[in-house]
ModelCIF file with pLDDT and N, C-alpha, C, O atoms, coordinates in Angstrom:
data_MODEL
#
_entry.id   MODEL 
#
_entity.id                         1 
_entity.type                       polymer 
_entity.pdbx_number_of_molecules   1 
#
_entity_poly.entity_id                      1 
_entity_poly.type                           'polypeptide(L)' 
_entity_poly.nstd_linkage                   no 
_entity_poly.nstd_monomer                   no 
_entity_poly.pdbx_seq_one_letter_code       EKPSKHMNGSLLLSKPFFSKELSAKLEAMLRTSRLLDSDAAP 
_entity_poly.pdbx_seq_one_letter_code_can   EKPSKHMNGSLLLSKPFFSKELSAKLEAMLRTSRLLDSDAAP 
_entity_poly.pdbx_strand_id                 A 
#
loop_
_entity_poly_seq.entity_id 
_entity_poly_seq.num 
_entity_poly_seq.mon_id 
_entity_poly_seq.hetero 
1 1  GLU n 
1 2  LYS n 
1 3  PRO n 
1 4  SER n 
1 5  LYS n 
1 6  HIS n 
1 7  MET n 
1 8  ASN n 
1 9  GLY n 
1 10 SER n 
1 11 LEU n 
1 12 LEU n 
1 13 LEU n 
1 14 SER n 
1 15 LYS n 
1 16 PRO n 
1 17 PHE n 
1 18 PHE n 
1 19 SER n 
1 20 LYS n 
1 21 GLU n 
1 22 LEU n 
1 23 SER n 
1 24 ALA n 
1 25 LYS n 
1 26 LEU n 
1 27 GLU n 
1 28 ALA n 
1 29 MET n 
1 30 LEU n 
1 31 ARG n 
1 32 THR n 
1 33 SER n 
1 34 ARG n 
1 35 LEU n 
1 36 LEU n 
1 37 ASP n 
1 38 SER n 
1 39 ASP n 
1 40 ALA n 
1 41 ALA n 
1 42 PRO n 
#
_struct_asym.id          A 
_struct_asym.entity_id   1 
#
loop_
_ma_qa_metric.id 
_ma_qa_metric.mode 
_ma_qa_metric.name 
_ma_qa_metric.software_group_id 
_ma_qa_metric.type 
1 global pLDDT . pLDDT 
2 local  pLDDT . pLDDT 
#
_ma_qa_metric_global.metric_id      1 
_ma_qa_metric_global.metric_value   73.95 
_ma_qa_metric_global.model_id       1 
_ma_qa_metric_global.ordinal_id     1 
#
loop_
_ma_qa_metric_local.label_asym_id 
_ma_qa_metric_local.label_comp_id 
_ma_qa_metric_local.label_seq_id 
_ma_qa_metric_local.metric_id 
_ma_qa_metric_local.metric_value 
_ma_qa_metric_local.model_id 
_ma_qa_metric_local.ordinal_id 
A GLU 1  2 62.00 1 1  
A LYS 2  2 62.00 1 2  
A PRO 3  2 54.00 1 3  
A SER 4  2 56.00 1 4  
A LYS 5  2 54.00 1 5  
A HIS 6  2 53.00 1 6  
A MET 7  2 62.00 1 7  
A ASN 8  2 59.00 1 8  
A GLY 9  2 62.00 1 9  
A SER 10 2 72.00 1 10 
A LEU 11 2 79.00 1 11 
A LEU 12 2 83.00 1 12 
A LEU 13 2 85.00 1 13 
A SER 14 2 85.00 1 14 
A LYS 15 2 89.00 1 15 
A PRO 16 2 90.00 1 16 
A PHE 17 2 90.00 1 17 
A PHE 18 2 91.00 1 18 
A SER 19 2 93.00 1 19 
A LYS 20 2 93.00 1 20 
A GLU 21 2 91.00 1 21 
A LEU 22 2 93.00 1 22 
A SER 23 2 93.00 1 23 
A ALA 24 2 91.00 1 24 
A LYS 25 2 89.00 1 25 
A LEU 26 2 92.00 1 26 
A GLU 27 2 90.00 1 27 
A ALA 28 2 86.00 1 28 
A MET 29 2 86.00 1 29 
A LEU 30 2 86.00 1 30 
A ARG 31 2 83.00 1 31 
A THR 32 2 76.00 1 32 
A SER 33 2 68.00 1 33 
A ARG 34 2 67.00 1 34 
A LEU 35 2 65.00 1 35 
A LEU 36 2 60.00 1 36 
A ASP 37 2 59.00 1 37 
A SER 38 2 54.00 1 38 
A ASP 39 2 55.00 1 39 
A ALA 40 2 52.00 1 40 
A ALA 41 2 48.00 1 41 
A PRO 42 2 48.00 1 42 
#
loop_
_atom_site.group_PDB 
_atom_site.id 
_atom_site.type_symbol 
_atom_site.label_atom_id 
_atom_site.label_alt_id 
_atom_site.label_comp_id 
_atom_site.label_asym_id 
_atom_site.label_entity_id 
_atom_site.label_seq_id 
_atom_site.pdbx_PDB_ins_code 
_atom_site.Cartn_x 
_atom_site.Cartn_y 
_atom_site.Cartn_z 
_atom_site.occupancy 
_atom_site.B_iso_or_equiv 
_atom_site.pdbx_formal_charge 
_atom_site.auth_seq_id 
_atom_site.auth_comp_id 
_atom_site.auth_asym_id 
_atom_site.auth_atom_id 
_atom_site.pdbx_PDB_model_num 
ATOM 1   N N  . GLU A 1 1  ? 18.058 5.386  -81.832 1.00 62.00 ? 1  GLU A N  1 
ATOM 2   C CA . GLU A 1 1  ? 17.058 4.314  -81.871 1.00 62.00 ? 1  GLU A CA 1 
ATOM 3   C C  . GLU A 1 1  ? 17.047 3.460  -80.613 1.00 62.00 ? 1  GLU A C  1 
ATOM 4   O O  . GLU A 1 1  ? 16.028 2.841  -80.307 1.00 62.00 ? 1  GLU A O  1 
ATOM 5   N N  . LYS A 1 2  ? 18.141 3.409  -79.884 1.00 62.00 ? 2  LYS A N  1 
ATOM 6   C CA . LYS A 1 2  ? 18.229 2.578  -78.684 1.00 62.00 ? 2  LYS A CA 1 
ATOM 7   C C  . LYS A 1 2  ? 18.487 3.448  -77.461 1.00 62.00 ? 2  LYS A C  1 
ATOM 8   O O  . LYS A 1 2  ? 19.566 3.393  -76.870 1.00 62.00 ? 2  LYS A O  1 
ATOM 9   N N  . PRO A 1 3  ? 17.493 4.251  -77.083 1.00 54.00 ? 3  PRO A N  1 
ATOM 10  C CA . PRO A 1 3  ? 17.723 5.148  -75.944 1.00 54.00 ? 3  PRO A CA 1 
ATOM 11  C C  . PRO A 1 3  ? 17.979 4.363  -74.658 1.00 54.00 ? 3  PRO A C  1 
ATOM 12  O O  . PRO A 1 3  ? 17.355 3.333  -74.405 1.00 54.00 ? 3  PRO A O  1 
ATOM 13  N N  . SER A 1 4  ? 18.880 4.859  -73.879 1.00 56.00 ? 4  SER A N  1 
ATOM 14  C CA . SER A 1 4  ? 19.248 4.223  -72.621 1.00 56.00 ? 4  SER A CA 1 
ATOM 15  C C  . SER A 1 4  ? 18.200 4.470  -71.557 1.00 56.00 ? 4  SER A C  1 
ATOM 16  O O  . SER A 1 4  ? 17.482 5.469  -71.588 1.00 56.00 ? 4  SER A O  1 
ATOM 17  N N  . LYS A 1 5  ? 18.124 3.544  -70.616 1.00 54.00 ? 5  LYS A N  1 
ATOM 18  C CA . LYS A 1 5  ? 17.200 3.729  -69.495 1.00 54.00 ? 5  LYS A CA 1 
ATOM 19  C C  . LYS A 1 5  ? 17.585 4.936  -68.660 1.00 54.00 ? 5  LYS A C  1 
ATOM 20  O O  . LYS A 1 5  ? 16.755 5.456  -67.915 1.00 54.00 ? 5  LYS A O  1 
ATOM 21  N N  . HIS A 1 6  ? 18.838 5.397  -68.767 1.00 53.00 ? 6  HIS A N  1 
ATOM 22  C CA . HIS A 1 6  ? 19.289 6.562  -68.007 1.00 53.00 ? 6  HIS A CA 1 
ATOM 23  C C  . HIS A 1 6  ? 18.809 7.876  -68.609 1.00 53.00 ? 6  HIS A C  1 
ATOM 24  O O  . HIS A 1 6  ? 19.045 8.940  -68.036 1.00 53.00 ? 6  HIS A O  1 
ATOM 25  N N  . MET A 1 7  ? 18.144 7.816  -69.750 1.00 62.00 ? 7  MET A N  1 
ATOM 26  C CA . MET A 1 7  ? 17.635 9.033  -70.379 1.00 62.00 ? 7  MET A CA 1 
ATOM 27  C C  . MET A 1 7  ? 16.222 9.335  -69.912 1.00 62.00 ? 7  MET A C  1 
ATOM 28  O O  . MET A 1 7  ? 15.490 10.058 -70.588 1.00 62.00 ? 7  MET A O  1 
ATOM 29  N N  . ASN A 1 8  ? 15.838 8.807  -68.801 1.00 59.00 ? 8  ASN A N  1 
ATOM 30  C CA . ASN A 1 8  ? 14.490 8.976  -68.260 1.00 59.00 ? 8  ASN A CA 1 
ATOM 31  C C  . ASN A 1 8  ? 14.085 10.448 -68.254 1.00 59.00 ? 8  ASN A C  1 
ATOM 32  O O  . ASN A 1 8  ? 14.743 11.288 -67.640 1.00 59.00 ? 8  ASN A O  1 
ATOM 33  N N  . GLY A 1 9  ? 13.000 10.737 -68.944 1.00 62.00 ? 9  GLY A N  1 
ATOM 34  C CA . GLY A 1 9  ? 12.478 12.094 -68.978 1.00 62.00 ? 9  GLY A CA 1 
ATOM 35  C C  . GLY A 1 9  ? 13.159 12.996 -69.987 1.00 62.00 ? 9  GLY A C  1 
ATOM 36  O O  . GLY A 1 9  ? 12.742 14.140 -70.167 1.00 62.00 ? 9  GLY A O  1 
ATOM 37  N N  . SER A 1 10 ? 14.188 12.514 -70.643 1.00 72.00 ? 10 SER A N  1 
ATOM 38  C CA . SER A 1 10 ? 14.896 13.322 -71.634 1.00 72.00 ? 10 SER A CA 1 
ATOM 39  C C  . SER A 1 10 ? 14.304 13.061 -73.016 1.00 72.00 ? 10 SER A C  1 
ATOM 40  O O  . SER A 1 10 ? 13.638 12.052 -73.249 1.00 72.00 ? 10 SER A O  1 
ATOM 41  N N  . LEU A 1 11 ? 14.564 13.986 -73.910 1.00 79.00 ? 11 LEU A N  1 
ATOM 42  C CA . LEU A 1 11 ? 14.115 13.838 -75.282 1.00 79.00 ? 11 LEU A CA 1 
ATOM 43  C C  . LEU A 1 11 ? 15.307 13.595 -76.186 1.00 79.00 ? 11 LEU A C  1 
ATOM 44  O O  . LEU A 1 11 ? 16.436 13.950 -75.849 1.00 79.00 ? 11 LEU A O  1 
ATOM 45  N N  . LEU A 1 12 ? 15.052 12.992 -77.329 1.00 83.00 ? 12 LEU A N  1 
ATOM 46  C CA . LEU A 1 12 ? 16.103 12.682 -78.300 1.00 83.00 ? 12 LEU A CA 1 
ATOM 47  C C  . LEU A 1 12 ? 15.864 13.469 -79.585 1.00 83.00 ? 12 LEU A C  1 
ATOM 48  O O  . LEU A 1 12 ? 14.726 13.688 -79.999 1.00 83.00 ? 12 LEU A O  1 
ATOM 49  N N  . LEU A 1 13 ? 16.967 13.887 -80.203 1.00 85.00 ? 13 LEU A N  1 
ATOM 50  C CA . LEU A 1 13 ? 16.900 14.673 -81.424 1.00 85.00 ? 13 LEU A CA 1 
ATOM 51  C C  . LEU A 1 13 ? 17.976 14.158 -82.377 1.00 85.00 ? 13 LEU A C  1 
ATOM 52  O O  . LEU A 1 13 ? 19.148 14.075 -82.012 1.00 85.00 ? 13 LEU A O  1 
ATOM 53  N N  . SER A 1 14 ? 17.573 13.814 -83.598 1.00 85.00 ? 14 SER A N  1 
ATOM 54  C CA . SER A 1 14 ? 18.531 13.321 -84.600 1.00 85.00 ? 14 SER A CA 1 
ATOM 55  C C  . SER A 1 14 ? 19.238 14.482 -85.289 1.00 85.00 ? 14 SER A C  1 
ATOM 56  O O  . SER A 1 14 ? 18.622 15.500 -85.607 1.00 85.00 ? 14 SER A O  1 
ATOM 57  N N  . LYS A 1 15 ? 20.533 14.314 -85.514 1.00 89.00 ? 15 LYS A N  1 
ATOM 58  C CA . LYS A 1 15 ? 21.306 15.290 -86.292 1.00 89.00 ? 15 LYS A CA 1 
ATOM 59  C C  . LYS A 1 15 ? 21.330 14.833 -87.739 1.00 89.00 ? 15 LYS A C  1 
ATOM 60  O O  . LYS A 1 15 ? 21.311 13.627 -87.982 1.00 89.00 ? 15 LYS A O  1 
ATOM 61  N N  . PRO A 1 16 ? 21.369 15.704 -88.680 1.00 90.00 ? 16 PRO A N  1 
ATOM 62  C CA . PRO A 1 16 ? 21.265 17.143 -88.482 1.00 90.00 ? 16 PRO A CA 1 
ATOM 63  C C  . PRO A 1 16 ? 19.817 17.520 -88.170 1.00 90.00 ? 16 PRO A C  1 
ATOM 64  O O  . PRO A 1 16 ? 18.878 16.884 -88.650 1.00 90.00 ? 16 PRO A O  1 
ATOM 65  N N  . PHE A 1 17 ? 19.658 18.539 -87.377 1.00 90.00 ? 17 PHE A N  1 
ATOM 66  C CA . PHE A 1 17 ? 18.309 19.010 -87.057 1.00 90.00 ? 17 PHE A CA 1 
ATOM 67  C C  . PHE A 1 17 ? 18.159 20.448 -87.518 1.00 90.00 ? 17 PHE A C  1 
ATOM 68  O O  . PHE A 1 17 ? 19.133 21.174 -87.713 1.00 90.00 ? 17 PHE A O  1 
ATOM 69  N N  . PHE A 1 18 ? 16.910 20.827 -87.683 1.00 91.00 ? 18 PHE A N  1 
ATOM 70  C CA . PHE A 1 18 ? 16.587 22.175 -88.116 1.00 91.00 ? 18 PHE A CA 1 
ATOM 71  C C  . PHE A 1 18 ? 15.991 22.952 -86.956 1.00 91.00 ? 18 PHE A C  1 
ATOM 72  O O  . PHE A 1 18 ? 15.589 22.380 -85.942 1.00 91.00 ? 18 PHE A O  1 
ATOM 73  N N  . SER A 1 19 ? 15.944 24.236 -87.119 1.00 93.00 ? 19 SER A N  1 
ATOM 74  C CA . SER A 1 19 ? 15.466 25.132 -86.073 1.00 93.00 ? 19 SER A CA 1 
ATOM 75  C C  . SER A 1 19 ? 14.063 24.748 -85.573 1.00 93.00 ? 19 SER A C  1 
ATOM 76  O O  . SER A 1 19 ? 13.792 24.801 -84.374 1.00 93.00 ? 19 SER A O  1 
ATOM 77  N N  . LYS A 1 20 ? 13.187 24.367 -86.494 1.00 93.00 ? 20 LYS A N  1 
ATOM 78  C CA . LYS A 1 20 ? 11.812 24.009 -86.128 1.00 93.00 ? 20 LYS A CA 1 
ATOM 79  C C  . LYS A 1 20 ? 11.788 22.780 -85.204 1.00 93.00 ? 20 LYS A C  1 
ATOM 80  O O  . LYS A 1 20 ? 11.035 22.743 -84.231 1.00 93.00 ? 20 LYS A O  1 
ATOM 81  N N  . GLU A 1 21 ? 12.625 21.772 -85.523 1.00 91.00 ? 21 GLU A N  1 
ATOM 82  C CA . GLU A 1 21 ? 12.694 20.571 -84.676 1.00 91.00 ? 21 GLU A CA 1 
ATOM 83  C C  . GLU A 1 21 ? 13.278 20.905 -83.304 1.00 91.00 ? 21 GLU A C  1 
ATOM 84  O O  . GLU A 1 21 ? 12.784 20.438 -82.279 1.00 91.00 ? 21 GLU A O  1 
ATOM 85  N N  . LEU A 1 22 ? 14.321 21.708 -83.298 1.00 93.00 ? 22 LEU A N  1 
ATOM 86  C CA . LEU A 1 22 ? 14.940 22.117 -82.043 1.00 93.00 ? 22 LEU A CA 1 
ATOM 87  C C  . LEU A 1 22 ? 13.950 22.882 -81.181 1.00 93.00 ? 22 LEU A C  1 
ATOM 88  O O  . LEU A 1 22 ? 13.836 22.631 -79.982 1.00 93.00 ? 22 LEU A O  1 
ATOM 89  N N  . SER A 1 23 ? 13.245 23.803 -81.789 1.00 93.00 ? 23 SER A N  1 
ATOM 90  C CA . SER A 1 23 ? 12.248 24.595 -81.068 1.00 93.00 ? 23 SER A CA 1 
ATOM 91  C C  . SER A 1 23 ? 11.170 23.708 -80.451 1.00 93.00 ? 23 SER A C  1 
ATOM 92  O O  . SER A 1 23 ? 10.783 23.910 -79.300 1.00 93.00 ? 23 SER A O  1 
ATOM 93  N N  . ALA A 1 24 ? 10.685 22.726 -81.210 1.00 91.00 ? 24 ALA A N  1 
ATOM 94  C CA . ALA A 1 24 ? 9.635  21.832 -80.700 1.00 91.00 ? 24 ALA A CA 1 
ATOM 95  C C  . ALA A 1 24 ? 10.123 21.036 -79.493 1.00 91.00 ? 24 ALA A C  1 
ATOM 96  O O  . ALA A 1 24 ? 9.390  20.890 -78.515 1.00 91.00 ? 24 ALA A O  1 
ATOM 97  N N  . LYS A 1 25 ? 11.349 20.519 -79.548 1.00 89.00 ? 25 LYS A N  1 
ATOM 98  C CA . LYS A 1 25 ? 11.891 19.747 -78.425 1.00 89.00 ? 25 LYS A CA 1 
ATOM 99  C C  . LYS A 1 25 ? 12.076 20.628 -77.198 1.00 89.00 ? 25 LYS A C  1 
ATOM 100 O O  . LYS A 1 25 ? 11.733 20.233 -76.084 1.00 89.00 ? 25 LYS A O  1 
ATOM 101 N N  . LEU A 1 26 ? 12.618 21.821 -77.408 1.00 92.00 ? 26 LEU A N  1 
ATOM 102 C CA . LEU A 1 26 ? 12.836 22.716 -76.274 1.00 92.00 ? 26 LEU A CA 1 
ATOM 103 C C  . LEU A 1 26 ? 11.520 23.149 -75.637 1.00 92.00 ? 26 LEU A C  1 
ATOM 104 O O  . LEU A 1 26 ? 11.395 23.169 -74.412 1.00 92.00 ? 26 LEU A O  1 
ATOM 105 N N  . GLU A 1 27 ? 10.557 23.490 -76.454 1.00 90.00 ? 27 GLU A N  1 
ATOM 106 C CA . GLU A 1 27 ? 9.259  23.898 -75.914 1.00 90.00 ? 27 GLU A CA 1 
ATOM 107 C C  . GLU A 1 27 ? 8.609  22.762 -75.134 1.00 90.00 ? 27 GLU A C  1 
ATOM 108 O O  . GLU A 1 27 ? 7.984  23.001 -74.100 1.00 90.00 ? 27 GLU A O  1 
ATOM 109 N N  . ALA A 1 28 ? 8.748  21.525 -75.619 1.00 86.00 ? 28 ALA A N  1 
ATOM 110 C CA . ALA A 1 28 ? 8.204  20.372 -74.893 1.00 86.00 ? 28 ALA A CA 1 
ATOM 111 C C  . ALA A 1 28 ? 8.876  20.227 -73.529 1.00 86.00 ? 28 ALA A C  1 
ATOM 112 O O  . ALA A 1 28 ? 8.207  19.992 -72.522 1.00 86.00 ? 28 ALA A O  1 
ATOM 113 N N  . MET A 1 29 ? 10.203 20.367 -73.501 1.00 86.00 ? 29 MET A N  1 
ATOM 114 C CA . MET A 1 29 ? 10.922 20.253 -72.226 1.00 86.00 ? 29 MET A CA 1 
ATOM 115 C C  . MET A 1 29 ? 10.545 21.387 -71.284 1.00 86.00 ? 29 MET A C  1 
ATOM 116 O O  . MET A 1 29 ? 10.324 21.162 -70.095 1.00 86.00 ? 29 MET A O  1 
ATOM 117 N N  . LEU A 1 30 ? 10.471 22.587 -71.805 1.00 86.00 ? 30 LEU A N  1 
ATOM 118 C CA . LEU A 1 30 ? 10.136 23.743 -70.962 1.00 86.00 ? 30 LEU A CA 1 
ATOM 119 C C  . LEU A 1 30 ? 8.698  23.675 -70.456 1.00 86.00 ? 30 LEU A C  1 
ATOM 120 O O  . LEU A 1 30 ? 8.420  24.044 -69.315 1.00 86.00 ? 30 LEU A O  1 
ATOM 121 N N  . ARG A 1 31 ? 7.792  23.207 -71.298 1.00 83.00 ? 31 ARG A N  1 
ATOM 122 C CA . ARG A 1 31 ? 6.398  23.058 -70.890 1.00 83.00 ? 31 ARG A CA 1 
ATOM 123 C C  . ARG A 1 31 ? 6.296  22.058 -69.737 1.00 83.00 ? 31 ARG A C  1 
ATOM 124 O O  . ARG A 1 31 ? 5.596  22.314 -68.757 1.00 83.00 ? 31 ARG A O  1 
ATOM 125 N N  . THR A 1 32 ? 6.985  20.929 -69.846 1.00 76.00 ? 32 THR A N  1 
ATOM 126 C CA . THR A 1 32 ? 6.989  19.926 -68.787 1.00 76.00 ? 32 THR A CA 1 
ATOM 127 C C  . THR A 1 32 ? 7.597  20.503 -67.516 1.00 76.00 ? 32 THR A C  1 
ATOM 128 O O  . THR A 1 32 ? 7.073  20.286 -66.424 1.00 76.00 ? 32 THR A O  1 
ATOM 129 N N  . SER A 1 33 ? 8.698  21.234 -67.649 1.00 68.00 ? 33 SER A N  1 
ATOM 130 C CA . SER A 1 33 ? 9.351  21.837 -66.482 1.00 68.00 ? 33 SER A CA 1 
ATOM 131 C C  . SER A 1 33 ? 8.448  22.848 -65.803 1.00 68.00 ? 33 SER A C  1 
ATOM 132 O O  . SER A 1 33 ? 8.401  22.922 -64.575 1.00 68.00 ? 33 SER A O  1 
ATOM 133 N N  . ARG A 1 34 ? 7.732  23.627 -66.597 1.00 67.00 ? 34 ARG A N  1 
ATOM 134 C CA . ARG A 1 34 ? 6.813  24.618 -66.012 1.00 67.00 ? 34 ARG A CA 1 
ATOM 135 C C  . ARG A 1 34 ? 5.724  23.929 -65.202 1.00 67.00 ? 34 ARG A C  1 
ATOM 136 O O  . ARG A 1 34 ? 5.367  24.377 -64.112 1.00 67.00 ? 34 ARG A O  1 
ATOM 137 N N  . LEU A 1 35 ? 5.197  22.828 -65.751 1.00 65.00 ? 35 LEU A N  1 
ATOM 138 C CA . LEU A 1 35 ? 4.159  22.088 -65.022 1.00 65.00 ? 35 LEU A CA 1 
ATOM 139 C C  . LEU A 1 35 ? 4.703  21.533 -63.715 1.00 65.00 ? 35 LEU A C  1 
ATOM 140 O O  . LEU A 1 35 ? 4.043  21.615 -62.680 1.00 65.00 ? 35 LEU A O  1 
ATOM 141 N N  . LEU A 1 36 ? 5.897  20.972 -63.758 1.00 60.00 ? 36 LEU A N  1 
ATOM 142 C CA . LEU A 1 36 ? 6.505  20.437 -62.545 1.00 60.00 ? 36 LEU A CA 1 
ATOM 143 C C  . LEU A 1 36 ? 6.823  21.549 -61.564 1.00 60.00 ? 36 LEU A C  1 
ATOM 144 O O  . LEU A 1 36 ? 6.620  21.388 -60.361 1.00 60.00 ? 36 LEU A O  1 
ATOM 145 N N  . ASP A 1 37 ? 7.320  22.676 -62.058 1.00 59.00 ? 37 ASP A N  1 
ATOM 146 C CA . ASP A 1 37 ? 7.683  23.793 -61.189 1.00 59.00 ? 37 ASP A CA 1 
ATOM 147 C C  . ASP A 1 37 ? 6.468  24.450 -60.551 1.00 59.00 ? 37 ASP A C  1 
ATOM 148 O O  . ASP A 1 37 ? 6.567  25.001 -59.455 1.00 59.00 ? 37 ASP A O  1 
ATOM 149 N N  . SER A 1 38 ? 5.324  24.398 -61.226 1.00 54.00 ? 38 SER A N  1 
ATOM 150 C CA . SER A 1 38 ? 4.134  25.016 -60.653 1.00 54.00 ? 38 SER A CA 1 
ATOM 151 C C  . SER A 1 38 ? 3.640  24.248 -59.429 1.00 54.00 ? 38 SER A C  1 
ATOM 152 O O  . SER A 1 38 ? 2.901  24.788 -58.606 1.00 54.00 ? 38 SER A O  1 
ATOM 153 N N  . ASP A 1 39 ? 4.056  22.975 -59.311 1.00 55.00 ? 39 ASP A N  1 
ATOM 154 C CA . ASP A 1 39 ? 3.689  22.162 -58.153 1.00 55.00 ? 39 ASP A CA 1 
ATOM 155 C C  . ASP A 1 39 ? 4.717  22.224 -57.042 1.00 55.00 ? 39 ASP A C  1 
ATOM 156 O O  . ASP A 1 39 ? 4.448  21.762 -55.933 1.00 55.00 ? 39 ASP A O  1 
ATOM 157 N N  . ALA A 1 40 ? 5.881  22.780 -57.307 1.00 52.00 ? 40 ALA A N  1 
ATOM 158 C CA . ALA A 1 40 ? 6.952  22.831 -56.310 1.00 52.00 ? 40 ALA A CA 1 
ATOM 159 C C  . ALA A 1 40 ? 7.503  24.242 -56.218 1.00 52.00 ? 40 ALA A C  1 
ATOM 160 O O  . ALA A 1 40 ? 7.772  24.873 -57.240 1.00 52.00 ? 40 ALA A O  1 
ATOM 161 N N  . ALA A 1 41 ? 7.671  24.734 -55.019 1.00 48.00 ? 41 ALA A N  1 
ATOM 162 C CA . ALA A 1 41 ? 8.256  26.059 -54.823 1.00 48.00 ? 41 ALA A CA 1 
ATOM 163 C C  . ALA A 1 41 ? 9.236  25.953 -53.678 1.00 48.00 ? 41 ALA A C  1 
ATOM 164 O O  . ALA A 1 41 ? 9.011  25.140 -52.781 1.00 48.00 ? 41 ALA A O  1 
ATOM 165 N N  . PRO A 1 42 ? 10.283 26.704 -53.651 1.00 48.00 ? 42 PRO A N  1 
ATOM 166 C CA . PRO A 1 42 ? 10.727 27.569 -54.732 1.00 48.00 ? 42 PRO A CA 1 
ATOM 167 C C  . PRO A 1 42 ? 11.341 26.770 -55.873 1.00 48.00 ? 42 PRO A C  1 
ATOM 168 O O  . PRO A 1 42 ? 11.769 27.349 -56.872 1.00 48.00 ? 42 PRO A O  1 
#
């Protein structure tokens, strides 16, 4: 509930978590990374 300012750009997940929640968080992070990576090479 009190995320630190050092978690900039990170996502939070409450335990216990289920596969569906984990998948959604990972896909969100990977989607963001893909967008950032498409603008920067290598």
